[in-house]
Amino acid sequence: MLDIRKYSHIVFDCDGVILDSNAVKSNAFSKSVADEDPIVIDKFVDYHKRNGGISRFVKFKYFFKILKKQKKYKSDLEKALEKYSKLSYEGSLKCELIPGIEKFLKALSNYKIDCFVISGGEQKEIRSILEKRNLSVFFKEIYGSPVSKKEHLERLKLKNTLYFGDAWSDFDAAKTFNMDFIYISGASEWKDGVEFCRKNGVPSYQNFSDIR
C-alpha cells in the first residue's frame, strides 16, 4: 500500500499520467508534417515516442535539422508548430482521463499535499486544457515547455517529493532531484518502461485505480 501522506509535494507529468493523450500527441506530430516523405515521418514519430516528455520545439528542430537536413527551416518549423498546436490542443480537450486520476487528486486535496504539474507540453496550452477540464484546481502550479522539466525542478527545489511519470525523462528528472518515482504504464509510449522498472525496483502501476 502506498503511504501518500508521508510526502510534502507530488509532481505529475500530464500526458499519459493525467490525460490519456499520448496517442493524440503522436497523431498530431504525424499530421503536422503529413506532406513529407512517409519514411521520414515514421522516423519522426518514433523519435517522439522514444523521447517522451521532451518539448515539441526540440522535436520539430530534430525533424527539420537532423532528419531532413534542412539548413533554413524557420518558416517550415513555424507552420508545423502551428498545425501541431491546434491538433494537440483539440485532442487533449476531448481525450479520456487516466483511470482513477480524478479520485486520486481529490484525495490528495483532502490531505493538503501540494501538487504540481510539470509537463513537456507547451505551458499555456497545458494550463488552458487543465482549466477547461476542471482539473487545474488540484494543482499549486502548472509548468510546461519551452522550459525543461529539470529547469523547473531546479528552480522549485522541492523536498520530500513523489513524482508520477510515464517516460524515461520523468524518471531521470525525479532521480536527478532525489525524488521517489512511480511509473504509470497504461498509456505510456516508453517501450521498455515496464521491464526497466521491474529490473530496477521502481514501483509501477497501470493507472491510479490500481493504487491502494
N, C-alpha and C. Protein backbone atom coordinates (compact mmCIF):
# COMPACT_ATOMS: atom_id res chain seq x y z
N MET A 1 0.84 -1.20 0.00
CA MET A 1 0.00 0.00 0.00
C MET A 1 0.88 1.25 0.00
N LEU A 2 0.51 2.22 -0.79
CA LEU A 2 1.27 3.46 -0.90
C LEU A 2 0.84 4.44 0.19
N ASP A 3 1.80 4.84 1.03
CA ASP A 3 1.51 5.83 2.08
C ASP A 3 1.78 7.22 1.51
N ILE A 4 0.76 7.78 0.88
CA ILE A 4 0.91 9.06 0.17
C ILE A 4 1.11 10.22 1.13
N ARG A 5 0.64 10.06 2.37
CA ARG A 5 0.64 11.19 3.31
C ARG A 5 2.03 11.51 3.86
N LYS A 6 3.00 10.66 3.56
CA LYS A 6 4.36 10.94 4.05
C LYS A 6 5.07 11.98 3.19
N TYR A 7 4.48 12.32 2.03
CA TYR A 7 5.11 13.29 1.12
C TYR A 7 4.59 14.71 1.34
N SER A 8 5.48 15.68 1.15
CA SER A 8 5.10 17.09 1.23
C SER A 8 4.63 17.63 -0.10
N HIS A 9 5.17 17.07 -1.18
CA HIS A 9 4.83 17.53 -2.53
C HIS A 9 4.68 16.33 -3.46
N ILE A 10 3.82 16.49 -4.47
CA ILE A 10 3.69 15.47 -5.50
C ILE A 10 3.72 16.14 -6.87
N VAL A 11 4.56 15.59 -7.75
CA VAL A 11 4.70 16.10 -9.12
C VAL A 11 4.05 15.12 -10.08
N PHE A 12 3.27 15.65 -11.02
CA PHE A 12 2.65 14.84 -12.05
C PHE A 12 3.10 15.30 -13.43
N ASP A 13 3.50 14.37 -14.27
CA ASP A 13 3.53 14.65 -15.70
C ASP A 13 2.07 14.77 -16.15
N CYS A 14 1.84 15.25 -17.35
CA CYS A 14 0.45 15.40 -17.81
C CYS A 14 0.03 14.31 -18.80
N ASP A 15 0.64 14.28 -19.97
CA ASP A 15 0.26 13.30 -21.00
C ASP A 15 0.61 11.89 -20.55
N GLY A 16 -0.39 11.02 -20.50
CA GLY A 16 -0.17 9.65 -20.09
C GLY A 16 -0.24 9.43 -18.59
N VAL A 17 -0.35 10.52 -17.83
CA VAL A 17 -0.43 10.43 -16.37
C VAL A 17 -1.74 11.04 -15.87
N ILE A 18 -2.07 12.21 -16.39
CA ILE A 18 -3.37 12.83 -16.07
C ILE A 18 -4.33 12.63 -17.23
N LEU A 19 -3.87 12.96 -18.42
CA LEU A 19 -4.69 12.81 -19.63
C LEU A 19 -4.22 11.60 -20.44
N ASP A 20 -5.16 10.86 -20.98
CA ASP A 20 -4.82 9.74 -21.87
C ASP A 20 -4.60 10.30 -23.28
N SER A 21 -3.53 11.08 -23.41
CA SER A 21 -3.33 11.91 -24.60
C SER A 21 -2.07 11.58 -25.38
N ASN A 22 -1.35 10.53 -25.00
CA ASN A 22 -0.13 10.21 -25.74
C ASN A 22 -0.41 9.89 -27.21
N ALA A 23 -1.47 9.13 -27.46
CA ALA A 23 -1.82 8.82 -28.86
C ALA A 23 -2.23 10.07 -29.61
N VAL A 24 -2.90 10.98 -28.92
CA VAL A 24 -3.28 12.27 -29.52
C VAL A 24 -2.03 13.02 -29.98
N LYS A 25 -1.01 13.06 -29.13
CA LYS A 25 0.21 13.78 -29.45
C LYS A 25 0.96 13.12 -30.61
N SER A 26 1.05 11.79 -30.59
CA SER A 26 1.74 11.09 -31.68
C SER A 26 1.05 11.34 -33.01
N ASN A 27 -0.27 11.31 -33.00
CA ASN A 27 -1.05 11.57 -34.20
C ASN A 27 -0.85 13.01 -34.69
N ALA A 28 -0.80 13.94 -33.74
CA ALA A 28 -0.60 15.35 -34.09
C ALA A 28 0.77 15.58 -34.71
N PHE A 29 1.80 14.92 -34.19
CA PHE A 29 3.14 15.04 -34.79
C PHE A 29 3.12 14.53 -36.22
N SER A 30 2.48 13.40 -36.45
CA SER A 30 2.43 12.81 -37.79
C SER A 30 1.68 13.72 -38.76
N LYS A 31 0.52 14.20 -38.35
CA LYS A 31 -0.31 15.01 -39.25
C LYS A 31 0.27 16.40 -39.50
N SER A 32 1.06 16.89 -38.59
CA SER A 32 1.62 18.24 -38.76
C SER A 32 2.68 18.29 -39.85
N VAL A 33 3.20 17.13 -40.25
CA VAL A 33 4.18 17.07 -41.35
C VAL A 33 3.70 16.07 -42.40
N ALA A 34 2.39 15.99 -42.58
CA ALA A 34 1.78 14.94 -43.42
C ALA A 34 2.22 14.97 -44.87
N ASP A 35 2.70 16.10 -45.37
CA ASP A 35 3.12 16.20 -46.77
C ASP A 35 4.55 15.71 -47.01
N GLU A 36 5.23 15.34 -45.95
CA GLU A 36 6.62 14.90 -46.07
C GLU A 36 6.71 13.42 -46.45
N ASP A 37 7.92 12.95 -46.70
CA ASP A 37 8.19 11.55 -47.03
C ASP A 37 7.69 10.65 -45.88
N PRO A 38 6.83 9.67 -46.16
CA PRO A 38 6.30 8.80 -45.11
C PRO A 38 7.37 8.10 -44.27
N ILE A 39 8.49 7.76 -44.89
CA ILE A 39 9.57 7.11 -44.16
C ILE A 39 10.16 8.06 -43.12
N VAL A 40 10.33 9.32 -43.53
CA VAL A 40 10.85 10.32 -42.60
C VAL A 40 9.84 10.61 -41.49
N ILE A 41 8.55 10.62 -41.83
CA ILE A 41 7.51 10.83 -40.83
C ILE A 41 7.54 9.71 -39.79
N ASP A 42 7.69 8.47 -40.25
CA ASP A 42 7.76 7.34 -39.33
C ASP A 42 8.95 7.47 -38.38
N LYS A 43 10.08 7.90 -38.91
CA LYS A 43 11.27 8.10 -38.08
C LYS A 43 11.03 9.21 -37.05
N PHE A 44 10.30 10.24 -37.48
CA PHE A 44 10.00 11.37 -36.61
C PHE A 44 9.09 10.94 -35.45
N VAL A 45 8.04 10.20 -35.76
CA VAL A 45 7.11 9.74 -34.73
C VAL A 45 7.83 8.78 -33.78
N ASP A 46 8.69 7.93 -34.32
CA ASP A 46 9.47 7.03 -33.47
C ASP A 46 10.37 7.82 -32.53
N TYR A 47 11.01 8.86 -33.05
CA TYR A 47 11.85 9.73 -32.22
C TYR A 47 11.02 10.37 -31.11
N HIS A 48 9.84 10.86 -31.46
CA HIS A 48 8.94 11.45 -30.46
C HIS A 48 8.62 10.46 -29.35
N LYS A 49 8.26 9.23 -29.72
CA LYS A 49 7.88 8.22 -28.72
C LYS A 49 9.07 7.83 -27.85
N ARG A 50 10.26 7.80 -28.43
CA ARG A 50 11.45 7.44 -27.65
C ARG A 50 11.91 8.57 -26.75
N ASN A 51 11.36 9.74 -26.95
CA ASN A 51 11.77 10.92 -26.18
C ASN A 51 10.57 11.59 -25.53
N GLY A 52 9.72 10.76 -24.93
CA GLY A 52 8.55 11.29 -24.25
C GLY A 52 8.92 12.30 -23.18
N GLY A 53 8.12 13.36 -23.09
CA GLY A 53 8.36 14.38 -22.07
C GLY A 53 9.28 15.50 -22.51
N ILE A 54 9.84 15.38 -23.72
CA ILE A 54 10.70 16.45 -24.25
C ILE A 54 9.85 17.38 -25.11
N SER A 55 10.15 18.65 -25.06
CA SER A 55 9.31 19.65 -25.71
C SER A 55 9.20 19.48 -27.22
N ARG A 56 8.05 19.89 -27.74
CA ARG A 56 7.79 19.85 -29.18
C ARG A 56 8.79 20.69 -29.96
N PHE A 57 9.28 21.76 -29.35
CA PHE A 57 10.23 22.66 -30.02
C PHE A 57 11.52 21.90 -30.35
N VAL A 58 11.98 21.09 -29.41
CA VAL A 58 13.18 20.27 -29.62
C VAL A 58 12.91 19.22 -30.70
N LYS A 59 11.72 18.61 -30.66
CA LYS A 59 11.41 17.52 -31.59
C LYS A 59 11.28 18.01 -33.03
N PHE A 60 10.63 19.15 -33.22
CA PHE A 60 10.49 19.65 -34.58
C PHE A 60 11.82 20.15 -35.14
N LYS A 61 12.67 20.69 -34.29
CA LYS A 61 14.01 21.07 -34.76
C LYS A 61 14.78 19.84 -35.20
N TYR A 62 14.60 18.75 -34.46
CA TYR A 62 15.24 17.48 -34.85
C TYR A 62 14.72 17.03 -36.21
N PHE A 63 13.42 17.18 -36.42
CA PHE A 63 12.83 16.75 -37.69
C PHE A 63 13.45 17.50 -38.86
N PHE A 64 13.48 18.81 -38.79
CA PHE A 64 13.96 19.61 -39.93
C PHE A 64 15.49 19.61 -40.04
N LYS A 65 16.17 19.71 -38.91
CA LYS A 65 17.62 19.84 -38.95
C LYS A 65 18.33 18.50 -39.14
N ILE A 66 17.88 17.47 -38.43
CA ILE A 66 18.58 16.18 -38.45
C ILE A 66 17.99 15.23 -39.49
N LEU A 67 16.66 15.02 -39.42
CA LEU A 67 16.05 14.05 -40.33
C LEU A 67 16.01 14.56 -41.77
N LYS A 68 15.63 15.84 -41.95
CA LYS A 68 15.54 16.39 -43.31
C LYS A 68 16.81 17.11 -43.76
N LYS A 69 17.67 17.41 -42.79
CA LYS A 69 18.95 18.07 -43.08
C LYS A 69 18.75 19.43 -43.77
N GLN A 70 17.69 20.13 -43.37
CA GLN A 70 17.46 21.48 -43.90
C GLN A 70 18.35 22.48 -43.19
N LYS A 71 18.91 23.41 -43.95
CA LYS A 71 19.72 24.45 -43.33
C LYS A 71 18.85 25.65 -42.93
N LYS A 72 17.84 25.94 -43.75
CA LYS A 72 16.92 27.02 -43.43
C LYS A 72 15.51 26.42 -43.29
N TYR A 73 14.98 26.49 -42.10
CA TYR A 73 13.69 25.83 -41.86
C TYR A 73 12.76 26.62 -40.93
N LYS A 74 13.08 27.87 -40.67
CA LYS A 74 12.30 28.66 -39.71
C LYS A 74 10.83 28.72 -40.10
N SER A 75 10.55 29.02 -41.38
CA SER A 75 9.16 29.13 -41.83
C SER A 75 8.43 27.79 -41.73
N ASP A 76 9.10 26.72 -42.18
CA ASP A 76 8.50 25.39 -42.11
C ASP A 76 8.27 24.97 -40.66
N LEU A 77 9.20 25.32 -39.79
CA LEU A 77 9.08 25.00 -38.37
C LEU A 77 7.86 25.69 -37.76
N GLU A 78 7.68 26.95 -38.07
CA GLU A 78 6.55 27.71 -37.52
C GLU A 78 5.21 27.14 -38.00
N LYS A 79 5.15 26.75 -39.28
CA LYS A 79 3.91 26.18 -39.82
C LYS A 79 3.60 24.83 -39.16
N ALA A 80 4.63 24.00 -39.00
CA ALA A 80 4.43 22.69 -38.37
C ALA A 80 4.01 22.84 -36.91
N LEU A 81 4.61 23.78 -36.21
CA LEU A 81 4.25 24.02 -34.81
C LEU A 81 2.81 24.50 -34.68
N GLU A 82 2.40 25.34 -35.61
CA GLU A 82 1.02 25.85 -35.59
C GLU A 82 0.02 24.71 -35.81
N LYS A 83 0.30 23.84 -36.79
CA LYS A 83 -0.58 22.69 -37.05
C LYS A 83 -0.62 21.76 -35.84
N TYR A 84 0.56 21.49 -35.31
CA TYR A 84 0.64 20.58 -34.17
C TYR A 84 -0.12 21.13 -32.97
N SER A 85 0.06 22.41 -32.70
CA SER A 85 -0.60 23.04 -31.55
C SER A 85 -2.12 22.90 -31.63
N LYS A 86 -2.67 23.14 -32.81
CA LYS A 86 -4.12 23.05 -32.99
C LYS A 86 -4.62 21.62 -32.76
N LEU A 87 -3.95 20.66 -33.40
CA LEU A 87 -4.35 19.26 -33.28
C LEU A 87 -4.20 18.74 -31.84
N SER A 88 -3.09 19.11 -31.22
CA SER A 88 -2.80 18.65 -29.87
C SER A 88 -3.80 19.22 -28.87
N TYR A 89 -4.07 20.51 -29.01
CA TYR A 89 -4.99 21.19 -28.07
C TYR A 89 -6.39 20.61 -28.18
N GLU A 90 -6.89 20.49 -29.40
CA GLU A 90 -8.25 19.98 -29.60
C GLU A 90 -8.37 18.54 -29.11
N GLY A 91 -7.36 17.72 -29.40
CA GLY A 91 -7.40 16.33 -28.96
C GLY A 91 -7.32 16.18 -27.46
N SER A 92 -6.54 17.04 -26.82
CA SER A 92 -6.38 16.96 -25.37
C SER A 92 -7.62 17.41 -24.61
N LEU A 93 -8.44 18.21 -25.24
CA LEU A 93 -9.70 18.62 -24.62
C LEU A 93 -10.73 17.50 -24.64
N LYS A 94 -10.58 16.57 -25.60
CA LYS A 94 -11.59 15.52 -25.79
C LYS A 94 -11.18 14.16 -25.24
N CYS A 95 -9.90 13.92 -25.05
CA CYS A 95 -9.44 12.58 -24.69
C CYS A 95 -9.90 12.19 -23.28
N GLU A 96 -9.83 10.90 -23.01
CA GLU A 96 -10.19 10.39 -21.69
C GLU A 96 -9.14 10.79 -20.65
N LEU A 97 -9.55 10.77 -19.38
CA LEU A 97 -8.60 10.90 -18.29
C LEU A 97 -8.00 9.53 -18.00
N ILE A 98 -6.80 9.53 -17.44
CA ILE A 98 -6.22 8.27 -16.98
C ILE A 98 -7.11 7.74 -15.85
N PRO A 99 -7.52 6.48 -15.90
CA PRO A 99 -8.44 5.94 -14.90
C PRO A 99 -7.97 6.18 -13.46
N GLY A 100 -8.89 6.70 -12.66
CA GLY A 100 -8.62 6.90 -11.23
C GLY A 100 -7.97 8.21 -10.88
N ILE A 101 -7.51 9.00 -11.86
CA ILE A 101 -6.75 10.21 -11.54
C ILE A 101 -7.58 11.25 -10.81
N GLU A 102 -8.83 11.43 -11.21
CA GLU A 102 -9.64 12.48 -10.58
C GLU A 102 -9.91 12.14 -9.11
N LYS A 103 -10.25 10.90 -8.84
CA LYS A 103 -10.48 10.48 -7.47
C LYS A 103 -9.21 10.60 -6.64
N PHE A 104 -8.08 10.27 -7.25
CA PHE A 104 -6.79 10.35 -6.57
C PHE A 104 -6.45 11.81 -6.23
N LEU A 105 -6.67 12.72 -7.17
CA LEU A 105 -6.40 14.13 -6.92
C LEU A 105 -7.30 14.70 -5.83
N LYS A 106 -8.54 14.28 -5.79
CA LYS A 106 -9.46 14.73 -4.74
C LYS A 106 -8.98 14.26 -3.37
N ALA A 107 -8.47 13.04 -3.31
CA ALA A 107 -7.94 12.52 -2.04
C ALA A 107 -6.74 13.34 -1.59
N LEU A 108 -5.85 13.69 -2.54
CA LEU A 108 -4.67 14.48 -2.20
C LEU A 108 -5.04 15.86 -1.68
N SER A 109 -6.09 16.45 -2.24
CA SER A 109 -6.51 17.78 -1.78
C SER A 109 -7.02 17.71 -0.33
N ASN A 110 -7.61 16.58 0.04
CA ASN A 110 -8.05 16.40 1.42
C ASN A 110 -6.88 16.26 2.38
N TYR A 111 -5.75 15.71 1.86
CA TYR A 111 -4.55 15.55 2.68
C TYR A 111 -3.70 16.82 2.74
N LYS A 112 -4.11 17.85 2.00
CA LYS A 112 -3.38 19.13 1.97
C LYS A 112 -1.94 18.97 1.47
N ILE A 113 -1.76 18.11 0.46
CA ILE A 113 -0.44 17.93 -0.14
C ILE A 113 -0.33 18.83 -1.37
N ASP A 114 0.74 19.62 -1.47
CA ASP A 114 0.93 20.49 -2.64
C ASP A 114 1.26 19.66 -3.87
N CYS A 115 0.46 19.82 -4.93
CA CYS A 115 0.65 19.08 -6.16
C CYS A 115 1.04 20.01 -7.30
N PHE A 116 1.92 19.53 -8.16
CA PHE A 116 2.41 20.31 -9.30
C PHE A 116 2.28 19.47 -10.56
N VAL A 117 2.02 20.14 -11.69
CA VAL A 117 2.15 19.52 -13.00
C VAL A 117 3.43 20.06 -13.63
N ILE A 118 4.30 19.16 -14.08
CA ILE A 118 5.49 19.55 -14.82
C ILE A 118 5.51 18.71 -16.09
N SER A 119 5.18 19.35 -17.19
CA SER A 119 4.92 18.65 -18.46
C SER A 119 5.88 19.09 -19.55
N GLY A 120 6.03 18.21 -20.54
CA GLY A 120 6.77 18.60 -21.75
C GLY A 120 5.91 19.37 -22.71
N GLY A 121 4.59 19.42 -22.46
CA GLY A 121 3.68 20.19 -23.30
C GLY A 121 3.86 21.68 -23.11
N GLU A 122 3.41 22.44 -24.09
CA GLU A 122 3.56 23.90 -24.03
C GLU A 122 2.76 24.46 -22.85
N GLN A 123 3.39 25.31 -22.07
CA GLN A 123 2.84 25.72 -20.77
C GLN A 123 1.46 26.37 -20.84
N LYS A 124 1.27 27.32 -21.74
CA LYS A 124 -0.03 27.99 -21.83
C LYS A 124 -1.12 27.01 -22.23
N GLU A 125 -0.80 26.10 -23.14
CA GLU A 125 -1.79 25.10 -23.58
C GLU A 125 -2.18 24.17 -22.44
N ILE A 126 -1.18 23.66 -21.71
CA ILE A 126 -1.45 22.74 -20.61
C ILE A 126 -2.33 23.43 -19.56
N ARG A 127 -2.01 24.67 -19.23
CA ARG A 127 -2.80 25.39 -18.24
C ARG A 127 -4.24 25.57 -18.71
N SER A 128 -4.40 25.92 -19.98
CA SER A 128 -5.74 26.12 -20.53
C SER A 128 -6.54 24.81 -20.55
N ILE A 129 -5.89 23.73 -20.97
CA ILE A 129 -6.57 22.44 -21.07
C ILE A 129 -7.03 21.97 -19.69
N LEU A 130 -6.13 22.03 -18.71
CA LEU A 130 -6.49 21.55 -17.38
C LEU A 130 -7.55 22.44 -16.72
N GLU A 131 -7.51 23.73 -17.03
CA GLU A 131 -8.55 24.63 -16.51
C GLU A 131 -9.90 24.28 -17.12
N LYS A 132 -9.94 24.10 -18.44
CA LYS A 132 -11.20 23.78 -19.13
C LYS A 132 -11.75 22.42 -18.71
N ARG A 133 -10.87 21.54 -18.28
CA ARG A 133 -11.30 20.21 -17.85
C ARG A 133 -11.52 20.15 -16.33
N ASN A 134 -11.51 21.33 -15.69
CA ASN A 134 -11.79 21.45 -14.25
C ASN A 134 -10.80 20.67 -13.38
N LEU A 135 -9.56 20.61 -13.84
CA LEU A 135 -8.52 19.91 -13.10
C LEU A 135 -7.48 20.84 -12.49
N SER A 136 -7.40 22.06 -12.98
CA SER A 136 -6.35 22.97 -12.51
C SER A 136 -6.48 23.30 -11.03
N VAL A 137 -7.68 23.17 -10.48
CA VAL A 137 -7.91 23.48 -9.05
C VAL A 137 -7.12 22.57 -8.13
N PHE A 138 -6.69 21.42 -8.63
CA PHE A 138 -5.98 20.47 -7.79
C PHE A 138 -4.48 20.76 -7.68
N PHE A 139 -3.99 21.73 -8.45
CA PHE A 139 -2.54 21.95 -8.53
C PHE A 139 -2.13 23.33 -8.05
N LYS A 140 -1.05 23.35 -7.30
CA LYS A 140 -0.50 24.63 -6.84
C LYS A 140 0.06 25.41 -8.01
N GLU A 141 0.77 24.72 -8.91
CA GLU A 141 1.31 25.34 -10.12
C GLU A 141 1.31 24.32 -11.25
N ILE A 142 1.23 24.83 -12.49
CA ILE A 142 1.27 24.01 -13.69
C ILE A 142 2.36 24.57 -14.60
N TYR A 143 3.36 23.74 -14.90
CA TYR A 143 4.50 24.20 -15.68
C TYR A 143 4.67 23.34 -16.94
N GLY A 144 5.23 23.97 -17.98
CA GLY A 144 5.47 23.25 -19.23
C GLY A 144 6.62 23.85 -20.01
N SER A 145 6.71 23.44 -21.28
CA SER A 145 7.78 23.90 -22.16
C SER A 145 7.45 25.32 -22.67
N PRO A 146 8.45 26.05 -23.18
CA PRO A 146 9.76 25.55 -23.61
C PRO A 146 10.80 25.34 -22.50
N VAL A 147 10.50 25.74 -21.27
CA VAL A 147 11.42 25.44 -20.17
C VAL A 147 11.38 23.94 -19.90
N SER A 148 12.53 23.32 -19.69
CA SER A 148 12.59 21.87 -19.49
C SER A 148 12.12 21.48 -18.09
N LYS A 149 11.79 20.19 -17.93
CA LYS A 149 11.36 19.69 -16.63
C LYS A 149 12.43 19.89 -15.57
N LYS A 150 13.67 19.59 -15.93
CA LYS A 150 14.76 19.73 -14.95
C LYS A 150 14.96 21.19 -14.55
N GLU A 151 14.78 22.10 -15.49
CA GLU A 151 14.92 23.53 -15.15
C GLU A 151 13.82 23.96 -14.17
N HIS A 152 12.60 23.49 -14.39
CA HIS A 152 11.51 23.80 -13.45
C HIS A 152 11.82 23.24 -12.07
N LEU A 153 12.27 21.99 -12.01
CA LEU A 153 12.55 21.36 -10.72
C LEU A 153 13.73 22.02 -10.02
N GLU A 154 14.72 22.43 -10.79
CA GLU A 154 15.86 23.14 -10.21
C GLU A 154 15.42 24.41 -9.51
N ARG A 155 14.50 25.12 -10.14
CA ARG A 155 14.01 26.38 -9.56
C ARG A 155 13.11 26.14 -8.35
N LEU A 156 12.28 25.11 -8.40
CA LEU A 156 11.33 24.85 -7.32
C LEU A 156 12.01 24.33 -6.05
N LYS A 157 13.05 23.52 -6.22
CA LYS A 157 13.79 22.96 -5.08
C LYS A 157 12.86 22.25 -4.08
N LEU A 158 12.04 21.35 -4.59
CA LEU A 158 11.09 20.63 -3.76
C LEU A 158 11.80 19.53 -2.96
N LYS A 159 11.39 19.36 -1.72
CA LYS A 159 11.93 18.30 -0.86
C LYS A 159 10.80 17.32 -0.52
N ASN A 160 11.20 16.10 -0.15
CA ASN A 160 10.23 15.09 0.27
C ASN A 160 9.11 14.95 -0.75
N THR A 161 9.49 14.60 -1.97
CA THR A 161 8.58 14.68 -3.12
C THR A 161 8.43 13.33 -3.82
N LEU A 162 7.23 13.05 -4.28
CA LEU A 162 6.93 11.88 -5.12
C LEU A 162 6.58 12.36 -6.52
N TYR A 163 7.10 11.67 -7.52
CA TYR A 163 6.93 12.07 -8.92
C TYR A 163 6.23 10.93 -9.67
N PHE A 164 5.07 11.25 -10.29
CA PHE A 164 4.37 10.30 -11.15
C PHE A 164 4.67 10.62 -12.60
N GLY A 165 5.23 9.67 -13.33
CA GLY A 165 5.55 9.91 -14.74
C GLY A 165 5.33 8.67 -15.59
N ASP A 166 5.43 8.86 -16.90
CA ASP A 166 5.23 7.73 -17.82
C ASP A 166 6.34 7.63 -18.85
N ALA A 167 7.44 8.32 -18.63
CA ALA A 167 8.53 8.35 -19.61
C ALA A 167 9.88 8.33 -18.92
N TRP A 168 10.90 7.92 -19.68
CA TRP A 168 12.27 7.93 -19.15
C TRP A 168 12.64 9.33 -18.65
N SER A 169 12.24 10.37 -19.37
CA SER A 169 12.61 11.74 -18.97
C SER A 169 12.04 12.07 -17.59
N ASP A 170 10.88 11.52 -17.25
CA ASP A 170 10.30 11.73 -15.92
C ASP A 170 11.14 11.03 -14.85
N PHE A 171 11.48 9.77 -15.12
CA PHE A 171 12.31 9.01 -14.18
C PHE A 171 13.65 9.72 -13.96
N ASP A 172 14.27 10.14 -15.06
CA ASP A 172 15.57 10.81 -14.99
C ASP A 172 15.48 12.11 -14.19
N ALA A 173 14.43 12.89 -14.42
CA ALA A 173 14.25 14.14 -13.69
C ALA A 173 14.05 13.87 -12.20
N ALA A 174 13.22 12.87 -11.88
CA ALA A 174 12.96 12.54 -10.48
C ALA A 174 14.25 12.14 -9.76
N LYS A 175 15.03 11.27 -10.39
CA LYS A 175 16.26 10.78 -9.76
C LYS A 175 17.29 11.90 -9.63
N THR A 176 17.33 12.81 -10.60
CA THR A 176 18.27 13.92 -10.54
C THR A 176 18.05 14.77 -9.29
N PHE A 177 16.79 14.88 -8.87
CA PHE A 177 16.47 15.72 -7.71
C PHE A 177 16.04 14.90 -6.50
N ASN A 178 16.49 13.64 -6.46
CA ASN A 178 16.29 12.77 -5.30
C ASN A 178 14.82 12.63 -4.90
N MET A 179 13.96 12.48 -5.90
CA MET A 179 12.54 12.28 -5.66
C MET A 179 12.18 10.81 -5.83
N ASP A 180 11.25 10.32 -5.04
CA ASP A 180 10.70 8.99 -5.30
C ASP A 180 9.90 9.04 -6.60
N PHE A 181 9.91 7.92 -7.32
CA PHE A 181 9.26 7.89 -8.64
C PHE A 181 8.32 6.70 -8.75
N ILE A 182 7.15 6.93 -9.35
CA ILE A 182 6.22 5.86 -9.69
C ILE A 182 5.87 5.97 -11.17
N TYR A 183 6.01 4.84 -11.85
CA TYR A 183 5.74 4.77 -13.29
C TYR A 183 4.28 4.42 -13.53
N ILE A 184 3.58 5.25 -14.31
CA ILE A 184 2.21 4.97 -14.73
C ILE A 184 2.28 4.43 -16.15
N SER A 185 1.98 3.14 -16.30
CA SER A 185 2.33 2.43 -17.53
C SER A 185 1.21 2.32 -18.57
N GLY A 186 -0.05 2.46 -18.15
CA GLY A 186 -1.17 2.09 -19.01
C GLY A 186 -1.22 2.77 -20.36
N ALA A 187 -0.90 4.04 -20.42
CA ALA A 187 -0.95 4.79 -21.68
C ALA A 187 0.44 5.21 -22.15
N SER A 188 1.46 4.70 -21.49
CA SER A 188 2.83 5.11 -21.78
C SER A 188 3.31 4.62 -23.14
N GLU A 189 4.16 5.42 -23.78
CA GLU A 189 4.82 5.02 -25.02
C GLU A 189 6.31 4.72 -24.79
N TRP A 190 6.70 4.60 -23.51
CA TRP A 190 8.06 4.21 -23.15
C TRP A 190 8.17 2.72 -23.40
N LYS A 191 8.80 2.34 -24.48
CA LYS A 191 8.79 0.97 -24.98
C LYS A 191 9.22 -0.05 -23.93
N ASP A 192 10.30 0.24 -23.23
CA ASP A 192 10.85 -0.71 -22.26
C ASP A 192 10.57 -0.30 -20.82
N GLY A 193 9.57 0.56 -20.63
CA GLY A 193 9.32 1.12 -19.30
C GLY A 193 9.01 0.09 -18.23
N VAL A 194 8.10 -0.83 -18.53
CA VAL A 194 7.71 -1.83 -17.54
C VAL A 194 8.89 -2.72 -17.17
N GLU A 195 9.63 -3.17 -18.17
CA GLU A 195 10.79 -4.03 -17.92
C GLU A 195 11.88 -3.28 -17.17
N PHE A 196 12.12 -2.04 -17.54
CA PHE A 196 13.13 -1.23 -16.85
C PHE A 196 12.77 -1.09 -15.38
N CYS A 197 11.51 -0.76 -15.10
CA CYS A 197 11.08 -0.56 -13.71
C CYS A 197 11.15 -1.86 -12.92
N ARG A 198 10.78 -2.97 -13.55
CA ARG A 198 10.86 -4.27 -12.87
C ARG A 198 12.30 -4.60 -12.49
N LYS A 199 13.22 -4.40 -13.42
CA LYS A 199 14.63 -4.73 -13.17
C LYS A 199 15.26 -3.81 -12.13
N ASN A 200 14.77 -2.58 -12.05
CA ASN A 200 15.40 -1.59 -11.16
C ASN A 200 14.60 -1.32 -9.89
N GLY A 201 13.57 -2.13 -9.64
CA GLY A 201 12.81 -1.98 -8.41
C GLY A 201 12.02 -0.70 -8.31
N VAL A 202 11.58 -0.17 -9.46
CA VAL A 202 10.80 1.06 -9.50
C VAL A 202 9.31 0.71 -9.47
N PRO A 203 8.55 1.26 -8.54
CA PRO A 203 7.11 0.96 -8.49
C PRO A 203 6.41 1.33 -9.79
N SER A 204 5.49 0.46 -10.22
CA SER A 204 4.78 0.67 -11.48
C SER A 204 3.32 0.29 -11.32
N TYR A 205 2.44 1.15 -11.84
CA TYR A 205 1.00 0.88 -11.83
C TYR A 205 0.43 1.17 -13.21
N GLN A 206 -0.58 0.41 -13.61
CA GLN A 206 -1.27 0.67 -14.86
C GLN A 206 -1.89 2.06 -14.86
N ASN A 207 -2.57 2.40 -13.78
CA ASN A 207 -3.24 3.68 -13.63
C ASN A 207 -3.52 3.93 -12.16
N PHE A 208 -4.23 4.98 -11.86
CA PHE A 208 -4.41 5.36 -10.45
C PHE A 208 -5.50 4.54 -9.76
N SER A 209 -6.31 3.83 -10.53
CA SER A 209 -7.29 2.92 -9.93
C SER A 209 -6.59 1.73 -9.29
N ASP A 210 -5.35 1.45 -9.72
CA ASP A 210 -4.60 0.31 -9.18
C ASP A 210 -3.88 0.66 -7.88
N ILE A 211 -3.82 1.93 -7.54
CA ILE A 211 -3.08 2.36 -6.35
C ILE A 211 -3.98 2.28 -5.12
N ARG A 212 -3.51 1.58 -4.10
CA ARG A 212 -4.26 1.48 -2.84
C ARG A 212 -3.53 2.27 -1.75
